[in-house]
Amino acid sequence: MKKHILVVDDEQGVREICKDFLEEEGYRITLAVDGQDALEKMDNDDFDLYLIDMAMPKIDGFELMKLIKKSHPLAVIIVLTGFSSIEGAIKAVHAGAYQYLSKPINADELLKAVDDGLQYSQDLYGPLLKVFDPGEESAAISVKGEPTILRGFTPEEKIAFLDIGNVISFQEGDNIILDSDDCKDSIILVESGEVSVWLSNTTIDYLQKWDSWREESFIVSSVSETKLRAETDVNIKYFDRKVILNHFAGQDEKLLRRFIINLVNCNYLKWRKSAQRIVMLKLVTGER
């Protein structure tokens, strides 16, 4: 089966050049005129590799790359950049892109990057998927429209637990408070908006409504090595460890055990996924 490549560029000439070069090599090519067009095409088709221009209207290449990585963490993305945006292309590589190519497009460089990227995906991501993919475990605890940490709770029990949280609002671009005296022993829950998770300069996860973080703080007090950043305006609910314990003190002991099991499962699966992102990025960049 032909490998399917999505080329995203607002310049028709660049799109057509990439299409001609790659189709001659036997690849199946789909073209998108901008980021929004690319997302719509992704709703209806699957792709083995993405070629994305960095400078585009509406949704730029960096933002499009992040959206692709949210739904397809193993996506192989090559960014196209003009001389003035090379710094942005390097930033994209650190955030998960496989490689960047400078414009004007050179046929040999393009074909080598695509060939290498697809071979890299086949040699590396296949085994990594088997090692890190949560599979049925993840499906077993993932429930849309409710916090996974409250799986198995009745509607009344969920409402009662959510009521003990303390909400703090953050604006787009803000760092989410994690290690202040008031928050260091708190589990956080995204009530609305989107949040990115960073370890050093690497994006390791994205959180959306009802996603939780810092589940381990309920079991052991520690300073977090991860940083959270608001990708949109967000409301974050903090659940202090002592407040949680007081809440469950008046409940059936089985409910606390169920809560702890949910925390352990969430933390285990989340860090497997984060490890996958970190390993892939280190192998791409050659960092140790």
C-alpha atoms as a PDB file:
ATOM      1  CA  MET A   1       0.000   0.000   0.000  1.00  0.00           C
ATOM      2  CA  LYS A   2       1.273   3.479  -0.876  1.00  0.00           C
ATOM      3  CA  LYS A   3       2.342   5.668   2.033  1.00  0.00           C
ATOM      4  CA  HIS A   4      -0.045   8.594   2.443  1.00  0.00           C
ATOM      5  CA  ILE A   5       1.419  12.072   3.007  1.00  0.00           C
ATOM      6  CA  LEU A   6      -0.438  15.289   3.869  1.00  0.00           C
ATOM      7  CA  VAL A   7       1.198  18.460   2.508  1.00  0.00           C
ATOM      8  CA  VAL A   8       0.013  21.661   4.202  1.00  0.00           C
ATOM      9  CA  ASP A   9       1.130  25.010   2.764  1.00  0.00           C
ATOM     10  CA  ASP A  10      -0.713  28.214   1.864  1.00  0.00           C
ATOM     11  CA  GLU A  11       1.535  28.690  -1.197  1.00  0.00           C
ATOM     12  CA  GLN A  12       0.135  26.794  -4.160  1.00  0.00           C
ATOM     13  CA  GLY A  13       3.516  26.597  -5.843  1.00  0.00           C
ATOM     14  CA  VAL A  14       5.118  24.886  -2.833  1.00  0.00           C
ATOM     15  CA  ARG A  15       2.207  22.451  -2.548  1.00  0.00           C
ATOM     16  CA  GLU A  16       2.420  21.474  -6.189  1.00  0.00           C
ATOM     17  CA  ILE A  17       6.218  21.080  -6.131  1.00  0.00           C
ATOM     18  CA  CYS A  18       6.042  18.756  -3.129  1.00  0.00           C
ATOM     19  CA  LYS A  19       3.205  16.831  -4.740  1.00  0.00           C
ATOM     20  CA  ASP A  20       5.090  16.348  -8.008  1.00  0.00           C
ATOM     21  CA  PHE A  21       8.338  15.277  -6.333  1.00  0.00           C
ATOM     22  CA  LEU A  22       6.668  12.818  -3.981  1.00  0.00           C
ATOM     23  CA  GLU A  23       4.187  11.310  -6.427  1.00  0.00           C
ATOM     24  CA  GLU A  24       7.078  10.494  -8.755  1.00  0.00           C
ATOM     25  CA  GLU A  25       8.495   8.398  -5.901  1.00  0.00           C
ATOM     26  CA  GLY A  26       5.237   6.470  -5.557  1.00  0.00           C
ATOM     27  CA  TYR A  27       3.696   8.239  -2.565  1.00  0.00           C
ATOM     28  CA  ARG A  28       0.014   9.085  -2.287  1.00  0.00           C
ATOM     29  CA  ILE A  29      -0.360  12.833  -1.666  1.00  0.00           C
ATOM     30  CA  THR A  30      -3.179  14.935  -0.225  1.00  0.00           C
ATOM     31  CA  LEU A  31      -2.914  18.738  -0.255  1.00  0.00           C
ATOM     32  CA  ALA A  32      -4.266  21.220   2.285  1.00  0.00           C
ATOM     33  CA  VAL A  33      -4.254  24.994   1.801  1.00  0.00           C
ATOM     34  CA  ASP A  34      -4.023  25.876   5.496  1.00  0.00           C
ATOM     35  CA  GLY A  35      -4.226  24.436   9.004  1.00  0.00           C
ATOM     36  CA  GLN A  36      -8.009  24.357   9.130  1.00  0.00           C
ATOM     37  CA  ASP A  37      -8.179  22.545   5.817  1.00  0.00           C
ATOM     38  CA  ALA A  38      -5.621  20.039   7.132  1.00  0.00           C
ATOM     39  CA  LEU A  39      -7.684  19.295  10.246  1.00  0.00           C
ATOM     40  CA  GLU A  40     -10.781  18.714   8.127  1.00  0.00           C
ATOM     41  CA  LYS A  41      -8.899  16.292   5.876  1.00  0.00           C
ATOM     42  CA  MET A  42      -7.571  14.474   8.938  1.00  0.00           C
ATOM     43  CA  ASP A  43     -11.160  13.875  10.036  1.00  0.00           C
ATOM     44  CA  ASN A  44     -11.747  11.841   6.897  1.00  0.00           C
ATOM     45  CA  ASP A  45      -8.415  10.133   6.237  1.00  0.00           C
ATOM     46  CA  ASP A  46      -5.258   8.738   7.854  1.00  0.00           C
ATOM     47  CA  PHE A  47      -1.729   9.849   7.015  1.00  0.00           C
ATOM     48  CA  ASP A  48       1.698   8.282   7.440  1.00  0.00           C
ATOM     49  CA  LEU A  49       3.623  11.571   7.394  1.00  0.00           C
ATOM     50  CA  TYR A  50       2.906  15.311   7.474  1.00  0.00           C
ATOM     51  CA  LEU A  51       4.701  18.147   5.669  1.00  0.00           C
ATOM     52  CA  ILE A  52       3.684  21.428   7.297  1.00  0.00           C
ATOM     53  CA  ASP A  53       4.592  25.018   6.480  1.00  0.00           C
ATOM     54  CA  MET A  54       5.464  27.043   9.586  1.00  0.00           C
ATOM     55  CA  ALA A  55       4.058  30.397   8.417  1.00  0.00           C
ATOM     56  CA  MET A  56       0.361  30.129   7.582  1.00  0.00           C
ATOM     57  CA  PRO A  57      -2.696  32.288   8.302  1.00  0.00           C
ATOM     58  CA  LYS A  58      -5.350  31.296  10.877  1.00  0.00           C
ATOM     59  CA  ILE A  59      -3.553  28.246  12.278  1.00  0.00           C
ATOM     60  CA  ASP A  60       0.220  28.428  11.939  1.00  0.00           C
ATOM     61  CA  GLY A  61       2.435  25.388  11.526  1.00  0.00           C
ATOM     62  CA  PHE A  62       3.484  25.174  15.163  1.00  0.00           C
ATOM     63  CA  GLU A  63      -0.097  25.262  16.395  1.00  0.00           C
ATOM     64  CA  LEU A  64      -1.182  22.725  13.762  1.00  0.00           C
ATOM     65  CA  MET A  65       1.638  20.415  14.812  1.00  0.00           C
ATOM     66  CA  LYS A  66       0.469  20.546  18.435  1.00  0.00           C
ATOM     67  CA  LEU A  67      -3.098  19.732  17.370  1.00  0.00           C
ATOM     68  CA  ILE A  68      -1.885  16.779  15.300  1.00  0.00           C
ATOM     69  CA  LYS A  69       0.225  15.487  18.198  1.00  0.00           C
ATOM     70  CA  LYS A  70      -2.774  15.649  20.518  1.00  0.00           C
ATOM     71  CA  SER A  71      -4.728  13.152  18.467  1.00  0.00           C
ATOM     72  CA  HIS A  72      -1.768  11.286  16.905  1.00  0.00           C
ATOM     73  CA  PRO A  73       1.185  11.312  19.359  1.00  0.00           C
ATOM     74  CA  LEU A  74       3.274   9.145  17.025  1.00  0.00           C
ATOM     75  CA  ALA A  75       2.770  11.336  13.956  1.00  0.00           C
ATOM     76  CA  VAL A  76       5.903  11.978  11.876  1.00  0.00           C
ATOM     77  CA  ILE A  77       5.937  15.697  11.066  1.00  0.00           C
ATOM     78  CA  ILE A  78       8.421  17.562   8.870  1.00  0.00           C
ATOM     79  CA  VAL A  79       8.114  21.348   9.028  1.00  0.00           C
ATOM     80  CA  LEU A  80       8.875  23.641   6.102  1.00  0.00           C
ATOM     81  CA  THR A  81      10.356  27.025   6.898  1.00  0.00           C
ATOM     82  CA  GLY A  82      11.717  30.169   5.334  1.00  0.00           C
ATOM     83  CA  PHE A  83      15.026  31.581   6.545  1.00  0.00           C
ATOM     84  CA  SER A  84      13.295  34.037   8.886  1.00  0.00           C
ATOM     85  CA  SER A  85      11.449  31.314  10.801  1.00  0.00           C
ATOM     86  CA  ILE A  86      14.222  28.757  11.322  1.00  0.00           C
ATOM     87  CA  GLU A  87      14.180  29.509  15.058  1.00  0.00           C
ATOM     88  CA  GLY A  88      10.498  28.558  15.115  1.00  0.00           C
ATOM     89  CA  ALA A  89      11.256  25.360  13.199  1.00  0.00           C
ATOM     90  CA  ILE A  90      13.871  24.348  15.769  1.00  0.00           C
ATOM     91  CA  LYS A  91      11.311  25.018  18.481  1.00  0.00           C
ATOM     92  CA  ALA A  92       8.909  22.721  16.610  1.00  0.00           C
ATOM     93  CA  VAL A  93      11.517  19.934  16.568  1.00  0.00           C
ATOM     94  CA  HIS A  94      11.881  20.238  20.342  1.00  0.00           C
ATOM     95  CA  ALA A  95       8.092  20.016  20.622  1.00  0.00           C
ATOM     96  CA  GLY A  96       7.902  16.812  18.605  1.00  0.00           C
ATOM     97  CA  ALA A  97       8.561  17.482  14.906  1.00  0.00           C
ATOM     98  CA  TYR A  98      10.853  14.964  13.194  1.00  0.00           C
ATOM     99  CA  GLN A  99      12.852  17.426  11.110  1.00  0.00           C
ATOM    100  CA  TYR A 100      12.683  20.791   9.356  1.00  0.00           C
ATOM    101  CA  LEU A 101      13.458  21.736   5.744  1.00  0.00           C
ATOM    102  CA  SER A 102      14.345  25.212   4.529  1.00  0.00           C
ATOM    103  CA  LYS A 103      12.665  26.828   1.539  1.00  0.00           C
ATOM    104  CA  PRO A 104      13.084  26.885  -1.402  1.00  0.00           C
ATOM    105  CA  ILE A 105      12.435  23.146  -1.471  1.00  0.00           C
ATOM    106  CA  ASN A 106      15.267  20.991  -2.726  1.00  0.00           C
ATOM    107  CA  ALA A 107      14.008  17.755  -4.302  1.00  0.00           C
ATOM    108  CA  ASP A 108      16.815  15.539  -2.980  1.00  0.00           C
ATOM    109  CA  GLU A 109      16.554  16.938   0.557  1.00  0.00           C
ATOM    110  CA  LEU A 110      12.778  16.553   0.537  1.00  0.00           C
ATOM    111  CA  LEU A 111      12.830  12.951  -0.650  1.00  0.00           C
ATOM    112  CA  LYS A 112      15.568  11.970   1.794  1.00  0.00           C
ATOM    113  CA  ALA A 113      13.723  13.575   4.738  1.00  0.00           C
ATOM    114  CA  VAL A 114      10.481  11.823   3.808  1.00  0.00           C
ATOM    115  CA  ASP A 115      12.167   8.453   3.223  1.00  0.00           C
ATOM    116  CA  ASP A 116      14.091   8.740   6.504  1.00  0.00           C
ATOM    117  CA  GLY A 117      11.001   9.850   8.405  1.00  0.00           C
ATOM    118  CA  LEU A 118       8.894   6.948   7.193  1.00  0.00           C
ATOM    119  CA  GLN A 119      11.687   4.451   7.864  1.00  0.00           C
ATOM    120  CA  TYR A 120      12.174   5.956  11.312  1.00  0.00           C
ATOM    121  CA  SER A 121       8.469   5.530  12.005  1.00  0.00           C
ATOM    122  CA  GLN A 122       8.533   1.908  10.903  1.00  0.00           C
ATOM    123  CA  ASP A 123      11.717   0.969  12.793  1.00  0.00           C
ATOM    124  CA  LEU A 124      11.069   2.862  16.004  1.00  0.00           C
ATOM    125  CA  TYR A 125       7.421   3.699  16.546  1.00  0.00           C
ATOM    126  CA  GLY A 126       6.138   0.212  15.829  1.00  0.00           C
ATOM    127  CA  PRO A 127       8.107  -1.348  18.695  1.00  0.00           C
ATOM    128  CA  LEU A 128       7.436   1.652  20.917  1.00  0.00           C
ATOM    129  CA  LEU A 129       3.722   1.335  20.362  1.00  0.00           C
ATOM    130  CA  LYS A 130       3.817  -2.260  21.564  1.00  0.00           C
ATOM    131  CA  VAL A 131       5.907  -1.306  24.593  1.00  0.00           C
ATOM    132  CA  PHE A 132       4.041   1.788  25.686  1.00  0.00           C
ATOM    133  CA  ASP A 133       0.511   1.514  24.302  1.00  0.00           C
ATOM    134  CA  PRO A 134      -1.934   1.151  27.248  1.00  0.00           C
ATOM    135  CA  GLY A 135      -4.368  -0.693  24.952  1.00  0.00           C
ATOM    136  CA  GLU A 136      -7.326  -2.256  26.712  1.00  0.00           C
ATOM    137  CA  GLU A 137      -6.139  -1.001  30.107  1.00  0.00           C
ATOM    138  CA  SER A 138      -6.670   2.578  28.984  1.00  0.00           C
ATOM    139  CA  ALA A 139     -10.042   1.855  27.436  1.00  0.00           C
ATOM    140  CA  ALA A 140     -11.120   0.153  30.633  1.00  0.00           C
ATOM    141  CA  ILE A 141     -10.779   3.306  32.713  1.00  0.00           C
ATOM    142  CA  SER A 142     -11.430   6.031  30.138  1.00  0.00           C
ATOM    143  CA  VAL A 143     -14.912   7.510  30.294  1.00  0.00           C
ATOM    144  CA  LYS A 144     -15.789  10.627  28.321  1.00  0.00           C
ATOM    145  CA  GLY A 145     -17.644  13.429  30.048  1.00  0.00           C
ATOM    146  CA  GLU A 146     -16.486  12.681  33.598  1.00  0.00           C
ATOM    147  CA  PRO A 147     -13.259  12.675  35.626  1.00  0.00           C
ATOM    148  CA  THR A 148     -11.497   9.339  35.352  1.00  0.00           C
ATOM    149  CA  ILE A 149     -10.400   9.652  38.992  1.00  0.00           C
ATOM    150  CA  LEU A 150     -14.094   9.367  39.925  1.00  0.00           C
ATOM    151  CA  ARG A 151     -14.827   6.274  37.840  1.00  0.00           C
ATOM    152  CA  GLY A 152     -17.304   4.031  39.618  1.00  0.00           C
ATOM    153  CA  PHE A 153     -18.740   6.849  41.761  1.00  0.00           C
ATOM    154  CA  THR A 154     -22.473   7.485  41.741  1.00  0.00           C
ATOM    155  CA  PRO A 155     -23.651  10.867  40.363  1.00  0.00           C
ATOM    156  CA  GLU A 156     -24.264  12.050  43.923  1.00  0.00           C
ATOM    157  CA  GLU A 157     -20.787  10.927  45.034  1.00  0.00           C
ATOM    158  CA  LYS A 158     -19.191  12.737  42.084  1.00  0.00           C
ATOM    159  CA  ILE A 159     -20.999  15.979  42.875  1.00  0.00           C
ATOM    160  CA  ALA A 160     -20.063  15.758  46.549  1.00  0.00           C
ATOM    161  CA  PHE A 161     -16.392  15.223  45.697  1.00  0.00           C
ATOM    162  CA  LEU A 162     -16.257  18.020  43.106  1.00  0.00           C
ATOM    163  CA  ASP A 163     -17.744  20.434  45.639  1.00  0.00           C
ATOM    164  CA  ILE A 164     -14.656  20.168  47.880  1.00  0.00           C
ATOM    165  CA  GLY A 165     -12.339  21.507  45.168  1.00  0.00           C
ATOM    166  CA  ASN A 166     -11.025  25.054  45.042  1.00  0.00           C
ATOM    167  CA  VAL A 167     -11.163  26.709  41.584  1.00  0.00           C
ATOM    168  CA  ILE A 168      -8.412  29.013  40.277  1.00  0.00           C
ATOM    169  CA  SER A 169      -8.652  30.619  36.831  1.00  0.00           C
ATOM    170  CA  PHE A 170      -5.669  31.139  34.523  1.00  0.00           C
ATOM    171  CA  GLN A 171      -5.318  33.004  31.244  1.00  0.00           C
ATOM    172  CA  GLU A 172      -3.800  31.651  28.053  1.00  0.00           C
ATOM    173  CA  GLY A 173      -0.025  31.435  28.411  1.00  0.00           C
ATOM    174  CA  ASP A 174      -0.031  31.414  32.226  1.00  0.00           C
ATOM    175  CA  ASN A 175       1.932  28.822  34.168  1.00  0.00           C
ATOM    176  CA  ILE A 176      -0.363  26.732  36.354  1.00  0.00           C
ATOM    177  CA  ILE A 177       0.517  26.893  40.049  1.00  0.00           C
ATOM    178  CA  LEU A 178       1.766  23.507  41.270  1.00  0.00           C
ATOM    179  CA  ASP A 179       4.263  23.849  44.111  1.00  0.00           C
ATOM    180  CA  SER A 180       3.145  26.751  46.266  1.00  0.00           C
ATOM    181  CA  ASP A 181       2.478  25.977  49.939  1.00  0.00           C
ATOM    182  CA  ASP A 182      -1.267  25.942  49.240  1.00  0.00           C
ATOM    183  CA  CYS A 183      -1.071  23.621  46.222  1.00  0.00           C
ATOM    184  CA  LYS A 184       1.896  21.269  46.551  1.00  0.00           C
ATOM    185  CA  ASP A 185      -0.190  18.437  48.039  1.00  0.00           C
ATOM    186  CA  SER A 186      -3.117  18.893  45.686  1.00  0.00           C
ATOM    187  CA  ILE A 187      -4.531  16.853  42.839  1.00  0.00           C
ATOM    188  CA  ILE A 188      -5.609  19.144  40.034  1.00  0.00           C
ATOM    189  CA  LEU A 189      -8.543  18.710  37.678  1.00  0.00           C
ATOM    190  CA  VAL A 190      -9.133  20.684  34.486  1.00  0.00           C
ATOM    191  CA  GLU A 191     -12.644  22.115  34.765  1.00  0.00           C
ATOM    192  CA  SER A 192     -12.474  23.920  31.413  1.00  0.00           C
ATOM    193  CA  GLY A 193      -9.912  24.784  28.741  1.00  0.00           C
ATOM    194  CA  GLU A 194      -6.713  23.089  27.598  1.00  0.00           C
ATOM    195  CA  VAL A 195      -3.373  22.684  29.386  1.00  0.00           C
ATOM    196  CA  SER A 196       0.028  21.499  28.121  1.00  0.00           C
ATOM    197  CA  VAL A 197       2.407  19.510  30.341  1.00  0.00           C
ATOM    198  CA  TRP A 198       6.150  20.181  30.097  1.00  0.00           C
ATOM    199  CA  LEU A 199       9.209  18.382  31.407  1.00  0.00           C
ATOM    200  CA  SER A 200      12.218  20.664  30.872  1.00  0.00           C
ATOM    201  CA  ASN A 201      11.615  21.969  27.332  1.00  0.00           C
ATOM    202  CA  THR A 202       9.610  18.951  26.177  1.00  0.00           C
ATOM    203  CA  THR A 203       5.837  18.721  25.836  1.00  0.00           C
ATOM    204  CA  ILE A 204       4.876  15.359  27.323  1.00  0.00           C
ATOM    205  CA  ASP A 205       1.090  15.590  27.508  1.00  0.00           C
ATOM    206  CA  TYR A 206      -2.024  17.685  26.935  1.00  0.00           C
ATOM    207  CA  LEU A 207      -4.896  17.964  29.384  1.00  0.00           C
ATOM    208  CA  GLN A 208      -8.497  18.822  28.570  1.00  0.00           C
ATOM    209  CA  LYS A 209     -11.753  19.010  30.510  1.00  0.00           C
ATOM    210  CA  TRP A 210     -11.954  16.417  33.307  1.00  0.00           C
ATOM    211  CA  ASP A 211      -8.306  15.374  32.898  1.00  0.00           C
ATOM    212  CA  SER A 212      -6.361  15.227  36.161  1.00  0.00           C
ATOM    213  CA  TRP A 213      -2.709  15.664  37.121  1.00  0.00           C
ATOM    214  CA  ARG A 214      -0.546  15.119  40.207  1.00  0.00           C
ATOM    215  CA  GLU A 215      -2.490  12.034  41.344  1.00  0.00           C
ATOM    216  CA  GLU A 216       0.656  10.829  43.116  1.00  0.00           C
ATOM    217  CA  SER A 217       0.475  13.804  45.525  1.00  0.00           C
ATOM    218  CA  PHE A 218      -2.324  12.011  47.370  1.00  0.00           C
ATOM    219  CA  ILE A 219       0.078   9.220  48.282  1.00  0.00           C
ATOM    220  CA  VAL A 220       3.371  11.032  48.735  1.00  0.00           C
ATOM    221  CA  SER A 221       4.234  14.715  49.110  1.00  0.00           C
ATOM    222  CA  SER A 222       6.830  15.801  46.552  1.00  0.00           C
ATOM    223  CA  VAL A 223       7.899  18.761  44.433  1.00  0.00           C
ATOM    224  CA  SER A 224       6.687  18.364  40.858  1.00  0.00           C
ATOM    225  CA  GLU A 225       9.301  18.271  38.067  1.00  0.00           C
ATOM    226  CA  THR A 226       6.631  18.971  35.469  1.00  0.00           C
ATOM    227  CA  LYS A 227       5.269  22.368  34.528  1.00  0.00           C
ATOM    228  CA  LEU A 228       1.749  23.069  33.288  1.00  0.00           C
ATOM    229  CA  ARG A 229       0.865  25.895  30.921  1.00  0.00           C
ATOM    230  CA  ALA A 230      -2.561  27.186  29.971  1.00  0.00           C
ATOM    231  CA  GLU A 231      -3.032  26.812  26.204  1.00  0.00           C
ATOM    232  CA  THR A 232      -6.399  28.586  26.490  1.00  0.00           C
ATOM    233  CA  ASP A 233      -8.150  30.374  29.350  1.00  0.00           C
ATOM    234  CA  VAL A 234      -8.676  27.618  31.893  1.00  0.00           C
ATOM    235  CA  ASN A 235     -10.328  26.865  35.214  1.00  0.00           C
ATOM    236  CA  ILE A 236      -8.337  24.488  37.400  1.00  0.00           C
ATOM    237  CA  LYS A 237      -9.832  22.753  40.429  1.00  0.00           C
ATOM    238  CA  TYR A 238      -7.430  21.937  43.267  1.00  0.00           C
ATOM    239  CA  PHE A 239      -8.160  19.110  45.691  1.00  0.00           C
ATOM    240  CA  ASP A 240      -5.975  19.305  48.796  1.00  0.00           C
ATOM    241  CA  ARG A 241      -4.883  15.953  50.230  1.00  0.00           C
ATOM    242  CA  LYS A 242      -6.107  16.729  53.747  1.00  0.00           C
ATOM    243  CA  VAL A 243      -9.472  17.952  52.462  1.00  0.00           C
ATOM    244  CA  ILE A 244      -9.849  14.746  50.420  1.00  0.00           C
ATOM    245  CA  LEU A 245      -9.066  12.586  53.457  1.00  0.00           C
ATOM    246  CA  ASN A 246     -11.580  14.502  55.562  1.00  0.00           C
ATOM    247  CA  HIS A 247     -14.164  14.072  52.819  1.00  0.00           C
ATOM    248  CA  PHE A 248     -13.734  10.300  52.672  1.00  0.00           C
ATOM    249  CA  ALA A 249     -13.597   9.976  56.467  1.00  0.00           C
ATOM    250  CA  GLY A 250     -17.382  10.117  56.555  1.00  0.00           C
ATOM    251  CA  GLN A 251     -17.847   7.767  53.599  1.00  0.00           C
ATOM    252  CA  ASP A 252     -17.870   4.015  53.123  1.00  0.00           C
ATOM    253  CA  GLU A 253     -14.257   2.765  53.191  1.00  0.00           C
ATOM    254  CA  LYS A 254     -14.845   1.037  49.835  1.00  0.00           C
ATOM    255  CA  LEU A 255     -15.264   4.445  48.177  1.00  0.00           C
ATOM    256  CA  LEU A 256     -11.807   5.565  49.319  1.00  0.00           C
ATOM    257  CA  ARG A 257     -10.286   2.309  48.047  1.00  0.00           C
ATOM    258  CA  ARG A 258     -11.981   2.810  44.676  1.00  0.00           C
ATOM    259  CA  PHE A 259     -10.633   6.372  44.539  1.00  0.00           C
ATOM    260  CA  ILE A 260      -7.073   5.218  45.263  1.00  0.00           C
ATOM    261  CA  ILE A 261      -7.284   2.504  42.591  1.00  0.00           C
ATOM    262  CA  ASN A 262      -8.445   5.132  40.090  1.00  0.00           C
ATOM    263  CA  LEU A 263      -5.503   7.363  41.026  1.00  0.00           C
ATOM    264  CA  VAL A 264      -2.997   4.553  40.621  1.00  0.00           C
ATOM    265  CA  ASN A 265      -4.410   3.533  37.229  1.00  0.00           C
ATOM    266  CA  CYS A 266      -4.485   7.124  35.979  1.00  0.00           C
ATOM    267  CA  ASN A 267      -0.935   7.787  37.096  1.00  0.00           C
ATOM    268  CA  TYR A 268       0.407   4.535  35.633  1.00  0.00           C
ATOM    269  CA  LEU A 269      -1.155   5.026  32.202  1.00  0.00           C
ATOM    270  CA  LYS A 270      -0.314   8.715  32.069  1.00  0.00           C
ATOM    271  CA  TRP A 271       3.347   8.214  32.771  1.00  0.00           C
ATOM    272  CA  ARG A 272       3.587   5.418  30.228  1.00  0.00           C
ATOM    273  CA  LYS A 273       2.289   7.843  27.620  1.00  0.00           C
ATOM    274  CA  SER A 274       4.622  10.598  28.820  1.00  0.00           C
ATOM    275  CA  ALA A 275       7.590   8.234  28.728  1.00  0.00           C
ATOM    276  CA  GLN A 276       6.712   7.384  25.139  1.00  0.00           C
ATOM    277  CA  ARG A 277       6.806  11.059  24.133  1.00  0.00           C
ATOM    278  CA  ILE A 278      10.103  11.645  25.939  1.00  0.00           C
ATOM    279  CA  VAL A 279      11.812   8.591  24.446  1.00  0.00           C
ATOM    280  CA  MET A 280      10.701   9.496  20.948  1.00  0.00           C
ATOM    281  CA  LEU A 281      11.884  13.103  21.261  1.00  0.00           C
ATOM    282  CA  LYS A 282      15.266  12.103  22.680  1.00  0.00           C
ATOM    283  CA  LEU A 283      15.799   9.618  19.885  1.00  0.00           C
ATOM    284  CA  VAL A 284      14.839  12.230  17.294  1.00  0.00           C
ATOM    285  CA  THR A 285      17.127  14.944  18.683  1.00  0.00           C
ATOM    286  CA  GLY A 286      19.952  12.661  19.826  1.00  0.00           C
ATOM    287  CA  GLU A 287      19.784  14.093  23.358  1.00  0.00           C
ATOM    288  CA  ARG A 288      20.561  11.928  26.385  1.00  0.00           C
END
